[in-house]
Amino acid sequence: MNKKPSIEDRRSRLNKLSDAVFGGPEEISREEARELLRSAGMDADMIADAVYARLYKQAQEYWMAQKPLPPLLKKAIEDLRPPTASPRNEKEMATQAKARIERVLEQSRHPHAWMQSTTSEFRPSAYRGKKKLSKKDESALDEIAKRLNDKLKGPQGS
């Protein structure tokens, strides 16, 4: 009498075969995994966000029942917590602020990448709403904007 393997048995066999073919998770770096996913047309961040949402939903069931989270679930939620999630405490707020400042500084070190992500023309418009701006001041600001536009266009050959 042949007994049909359970879902756990099938998963275990699949994991063993997968490890035999690809190696275990410890044998691949994070960047290599991201690159493999990207080459397969998958966005690692979207996958992480989806897994986080699913695990968070499971964690809510524990919280609603006022039960402690299983350690692996708690660790997975902490590891997959998206950087865009609102901070839960001052330490997280400081970490997010530091990361954002580092991104801005990194962008400022590479002005060509920044210029490609913005419009091709520099448009200082903060002064445009001022009612007490003289024609002389307005033309001076327009001249500065023109020089900045020319400077921005110069290195790109536009």
C-alpha atoms as a PDB file:
ATOM      1  CA  MET A   1       0.000   0.000   0.000  1.00  0.00           C
ATOM      2  CA  ASN A   2       1.527   3.285  -1.151  1.00  0.00           C
ATOM      3  CA  LYS A   3       0.917   6.154   1.153  1.00  0.00           C
ATOM      4  CA  LYS A   4       0.783   9.627  -0.399  1.00  0.00           C
ATOM      5  CA  PRO A   5       3.534  11.892   1.050  1.00  0.00           C
ATOM      6  CA  SER A   6       2.343  14.755   3.228  1.00  0.00           C
ATOM      7  CA  ILE A   7       2.882  18.380   2.274  1.00  0.00           C
ATOM      8  CA  GLU A   8       5.667  18.597   4.870  1.00  0.00           C
ATOM      9  CA  ASP A   9       7.402  15.573   3.333  1.00  0.00           C
ATOM     10  CA  ARG A  10       7.159  17.108  -0.135  1.00  0.00           C
ATOM     11  CA  ARG A  11       8.500  20.460   1.096  1.00  0.00           C
ATOM     12  CA  SER A  12      11.359  18.716   2.874  1.00  0.00           C
ATOM     13  CA  ARG A  13      12.244  16.799  -0.291  1.00  0.00           C
ATOM     14  CA  LEU A  14      12.044  19.964  -2.385  1.00  0.00           C
ATOM     15  CA  ASN A  15      14.328  21.785   0.068  1.00  0.00           C
ATOM     16  CA  LYS A  16      16.862  18.947  -0.014  1.00  0.00           C
ATOM     17  CA  LEU A  17      16.845  18.873  -3.817  1.00  0.00           C
ATOM     18  CA  SER A  18      17.111  22.650  -3.976  1.00  0.00           C
ATOM     19  CA  ASP A  19      20.062  22.659  -1.565  1.00  0.00           C
ATOM     20  CA  ALA A  20      21.744  19.933  -3.597  1.00  0.00           C
ATOM     21  CA  VAL A  21      21.377  21.906  -6.835  1.00  0.00           C
ATOM     22  CA  PHE A  22      21.821  25.504  -5.641  1.00  0.00           C
ATOM     23  CA  GLY A  23      23.501  25.162  -2.257  1.00  0.00           C
ATOM     24  CA  GLY A  24      22.170  26.393   1.038  1.00  0.00           C
ATOM     25  CA  PRO A  25      21.210  29.993   1.766  1.00  0.00           C
ATOM     26  CA  GLU A  26      24.525  30.566   3.550  1.00  0.00           C
ATOM     27  CA  GLU A  27      26.390  29.899   0.296  1.00  0.00           C
ATOM     28  CA  ILE A  28      25.009  32.934  -1.538  1.00  0.00           C
ATOM     29  CA  SER A  29      25.658  36.569  -0.742  1.00  0.00           C
ATOM     30  CA  ARG A  30      22.852  39.093  -0.398  1.00  0.00           C
ATOM     31  CA  GLU A  31      24.012  40.973  -3.493  1.00  0.00           C
ATOM     32  CA  GLU A  32      24.233  37.786  -5.553  1.00  0.00           C
ATOM     33  CA  ALA A  33      20.696  36.878  -4.503  1.00  0.00           C
ATOM     34  CA  ARG A  34      19.455  40.355  -5.487  1.00  0.00           C
ATOM     35  CA  GLU A  35      21.211  40.093  -8.853  1.00  0.00           C
ATOM     36  CA  LEU A  36      19.733  36.640  -9.515  1.00  0.00           C
ATOM     37  CA  LEU A  37      16.256  37.898  -8.686  1.00  0.00           C
ATOM     38  CA  ARG A  38      16.776  40.973 -10.868  1.00  0.00           C
ATOM     39  CA  SER A  39      17.946  38.825 -13.799  1.00  0.00           C
ATOM     40  CA  ALA A  40      14.806  36.709 -13.363  1.00  0.00           C
ATOM     41  CA  GLY A  41      12.724  39.874 -13.629  1.00  0.00           C
ATOM     42  CA  MET A  42      11.858  40.032  -9.945  1.00  0.00           C
ATOM     43  CA  ASP A  43      12.252  43.002  -7.623  1.00  0.00           C
ATOM     44  CA  ALA A  44      13.829  41.911  -4.332  1.00  0.00           C
ATOM     45  CA  ASP A  45      12.358  44.888  -2.473  1.00  0.00           C
ATOM     46  CA  MET A  46       8.834  44.086  -3.656  1.00  0.00           C
ATOM     47  CA  ILE A  47       9.279  40.463  -2.579  1.00  0.00           C
ATOM     48  CA  ALA A  48      10.580  41.544   0.835  1.00  0.00           C
ATOM     49  CA  ASP A  49       7.657  43.972   1.245  1.00  0.00           C
ATOM     50  CA  ALA A  50       5.138  41.271   0.335  1.00  0.00           C
ATOM     51  CA  VAL A  51       6.682  38.745   2.736  1.00  0.00           C
ATOM     52  CA  TYR A  52       6.808  41.395   5.468  1.00  0.00           C
ATOM     53  CA  ALA A  53       3.120  42.204   4.970  1.00  0.00           C
ATOM     54  CA  ARG A  54       2.207  38.521   5.166  1.00  0.00           C
ATOM     55  CA  LEU A  55       4.295  37.940   8.310  1.00  0.00           C
ATOM     56  CA  TYR A  56       2.985  41.133   9.905  1.00  0.00           C
ATOM     57  CA  LYS A  57      -0.566  39.891   9.332  1.00  0.00           C
ATOM     58  CA  GLN A  58       0.340  36.632  11.077  1.00  0.00           C
ATOM     59  CA  ALA A  59       1.915  38.570  13.947  1.00  0.00           C
ATOM     60  CA  GLN A  60      -1.275  40.594  14.363  1.00  0.00           C
ATOM     61  CA  GLU A  61      -3.142  37.388  15.138  1.00  0.00           C
ATOM     62  CA  TYR A  62      -0.743  36.745  18.020  1.00  0.00           C
ATOM     63  CA  TRP A  63      -1.021  40.338  19.220  1.00  0.00           C
ATOM     64  CA  MET A  64      -4.839  40.240  19.094  1.00  0.00           C
ATOM     65  CA  ALA A  65      -4.793  37.042  21.153  1.00  0.00           C
ATOM     66  CA  GLN A  66      -2.233  38.710  23.462  1.00  0.00           C
ATOM     67  CA  LYS A  67       0.226  35.878  22.886  1.00  0.00           C
ATOM     68  CA  PRO A  68       3.978  36.314  22.508  1.00  0.00           C
ATOM     69  CA  LEU A  69       5.375  36.079  18.985  1.00  0.00           C
ATOM     70  CA  PRO A  70       7.365  32.965  18.109  1.00  0.00           C
ATOM     71  CA  PRO A  71      11.055  33.955  18.042  1.00  0.00           C
ATOM     72  CA  LEU A  72      11.537  33.207  14.329  1.00  0.00           C
ATOM     73  CA  LEU A  73       8.476  35.242  13.370  1.00  0.00           C
ATOM     74  CA  LYS A  74       9.670  38.138  15.522  1.00  0.00           C
ATOM     75  CA  LYS A  75      13.150  38.017  13.954  1.00  0.00           C
ATOM     76  CA  ALA A  76      11.741  37.794  10.423  1.00  0.00           C
ATOM     77  CA  ILE A  77       9.534  40.838  11.008  1.00  0.00           C
ATOM     78  CA  GLU A  78      12.478  42.795  12.389  1.00  0.00           C
ATOM     79  CA  ASP A  79      14.754  41.734   9.511  1.00  0.00           C
ATOM     80  CA  LEU A  80      12.205  42.482   6.782  1.00  0.00           C
ATOM     81  CA  ARG A  81      10.867  45.738   8.246  1.00  0.00           C
ATOM     82  CA  PRO A  82      10.905  48.172   5.328  1.00  0.00           C
ATOM     83  CA  PRO A  83      13.020  51.295   5.750  1.00  0.00           C
ATOM     84  CA  THR A  84       9.987  53.360   4.747  1.00  0.00           C
ATOM     85  CA  ALA A  85       7.942  52.107   7.708  1.00  0.00           C
ATOM     86  CA  SER A  86       7.313  54.753  10.322  1.00  0.00           C
ATOM     87  CA  PRO A  87       9.762  54.537  13.239  1.00  0.00           C
ATOM     88  CA  ARG A  88       8.649  52.787  16.401  1.00  0.00           C
ATOM     89  CA  ASN A  89      11.116  54.549  18.694  1.00  0.00           C
ATOM     90  CA  GLU A  90      13.800  57.233  18.772  1.00  0.00           C
ATOM     91  CA  LYS A  91      16.564  54.819  17.770  1.00  0.00           C
ATOM     92  CA  GLU A  92      14.713  53.850  14.587  1.00  0.00           C
ATOM     93  CA  MET A  93      13.954  57.514  13.896  1.00  0.00           C
ATOM     94  CA  ALA A  94      17.654  58.361  14.198  1.00  0.00           C
ATOM     95  CA  THR A  95      18.603  55.438  11.945  1.00  0.00           C
ATOM     96  CA  GLN A  96      16.101  56.485   9.280  1.00  0.00           C
ATOM     97  CA  ALA A  97      17.229  60.111   9.473  1.00  0.00           C
ATOM     98  CA  LYS A  98      20.868  59.076   9.129  1.00  0.00           C
ATOM     99  CA  ALA A  99      20.082  56.859   6.130  1.00  0.00           C
ATOM    100  CA  ARG A 100      18.146  59.652   4.443  1.00  0.00           C
ATOM    101  CA  ILE A 101      20.945  62.157   5.022  1.00  0.00           C
ATOM    102  CA  GLU A 102      23.461  59.663   3.620  1.00  0.00           C
ATOM    103  CA  ARG A 103      21.315  59.231   0.473  1.00  0.00           C
ATOM    104  CA  VAL A 104      21.082  62.992  -0.008  1.00  0.00           C
ATOM    105  CA  LEU A 105      24.822  63.403   0.495  1.00  0.00           C
ATOM    106  CA  GLU A 106      25.536  60.566  -1.917  1.00  0.00           C
ATOM    107  CA  GLN A 107      23.288  62.195  -4.526  1.00  0.00           C
ATOM    108  CA  SER A 108      25.065  65.503  -4.030  1.00  0.00           C
ATOM    109  CA  ARG A 109      28.405  63.793  -4.730  1.00  0.00           C
ATOM    110  CA  HIS A 110      27.073  62.606  -8.090  1.00  0.00           C
ATOM    111  CA  PRO A 111      25.402  65.664  -9.647  1.00  0.00           C
ATOM    112  CA  HIS A 112      25.033  64.031 -13.070  1.00  0.00           C
ATOM    113  CA  ALA A 113      22.766  61.321 -11.660  1.00  0.00           C
ATOM    114  CA  TRP A 114      20.774  63.965  -9.813  1.00  0.00           C
ATOM    115  CA  MET A 115      20.448  66.108 -12.927  1.00  0.00           C
ATOM    116  CA  GLN A 116      19.096  63.147 -14.907  1.00  0.00           C
ATOM    117  CA  SER A 117      16.422  62.544 -12.282  1.00  0.00           C
ATOM    118  CA  THR A 118      15.252  66.158 -12.374  1.00  0.00           C
ATOM    119  CA  THR A 119      14.100  68.433 -15.148  1.00  0.00           C
ATOM    120  CA  SER A 120      16.721  69.520 -17.637  1.00  0.00           C
ATOM    121  CA  GLU A 121      16.223  73.164 -16.742  1.00  0.00           C
ATOM    122  CA  PHE A 122      16.965  74.811 -13.420  1.00  0.00           C
ATOM    123  CA  ARG A 123      13.854  76.708 -12.355  1.00  0.00           C
ATOM    124  CA  PRO A 124      14.211  78.697  -9.144  1.00  0.00           C
ATOM    125  CA  SER A 125      10.623  79.565  -8.413  1.00  0.00           C
ATOM    126  CA  ALA A 126      10.625  80.308  -4.690  1.00  0.00           C
ATOM    127  CA  TYR A 127      10.873  84.028  -5.340  1.00  0.00           C
ATOM    128  CA  ARG A 128       8.124  84.089  -7.973  1.00  0.00           C
ATOM    129  CA  GLY A 129       5.358  84.334  -5.375  1.00  0.00           C
ATOM    130  CA  LYS A 130       6.894  87.339  -3.648  1.00  0.00           C
ATOM    131  CA  LYS A 131       4.812  90.476  -4.188  1.00  0.00           C
ATOM    132  CA  LYS A 132       7.466  92.976  -3.112  1.00  0.00           C
ATOM    133  CA  LEU A 133      10.163  91.755  -5.504  1.00  0.00           C
ATOM    134  CA  SER A 134      11.488  94.559  -7.664  1.00  0.00           C
ATOM    135  CA  LYS A 135      12.018  94.163 -11.409  1.00  0.00           C
ATOM    136  CA  LYS A 136      15.760  94.588 -10.814  1.00  0.00           C
ATOM    137  CA  ASP A 137      15.811  91.738  -8.262  1.00  0.00           C
ATOM    138  CA  GLU A 138      13.696  89.544 -10.503  1.00  0.00           C
ATOM    139  CA  SER A 139      15.980  90.084 -13.510  1.00  0.00           C
ATOM    140  CA  ALA A 140      19.054  89.414 -11.337  1.00  0.00           C
ATOM    141  CA  LEU A 141      17.544  86.116 -10.179  1.00  0.00           C
ATOM    142  CA  ASP A 142      16.596  85.244 -13.760  1.00  0.00           C
ATOM    143  CA  GLU A 143      20.216  85.899 -14.820  1.00  0.00           C
ATOM    144  CA  ILE A 144      21.501  83.598 -12.062  1.00  0.00           C
ATOM    145  CA  ALA A 145      19.029  80.920 -13.168  1.00  0.00           C
ATOM    146  CA  LYS A 146      20.209  81.293 -16.773  1.00  0.00           C
ATOM    147  CA  ARG A 147      23.860  80.910 -15.761  1.00  0.00           C
ATOM    148  CA  LEU A 148      23.044  77.840 -13.669  1.00  0.00           C
ATOM    149  CA  ASN A 149      21.109  76.320 -16.577  1.00  0.00           C
ATOM    150  CA  ASP A 150      24.045  76.932 -18.887  1.00  0.00           C
ATOM    151  CA  LYS A 151      26.410  75.402 -16.330  1.00  0.00           C
ATOM    152  CA  LEU A 152      24.176  72.333 -15.883  1.00  0.00           C
ATOM    153  CA  LYS A 153      23.863  71.809 -19.626  1.00  0.00           C
ATOM    154  CA  GLY A 154      27.591  72.282 -20.241  1.00  0.00           C
ATOM    155  CA  PRO A 155      28.986  68.898 -19.031  1.00  0.00           C
ATOM    156  CA  GLN A 156      26.202  66.892 -20.697  1.00  0.00           C
ATOM    157  CA  GLY A 157      26.819  68.410 -24.113  1.00  0.00           C
ATOM    158  CA  SER A 158      23.180  69.520 -24.517  1.00  0.00           C
END
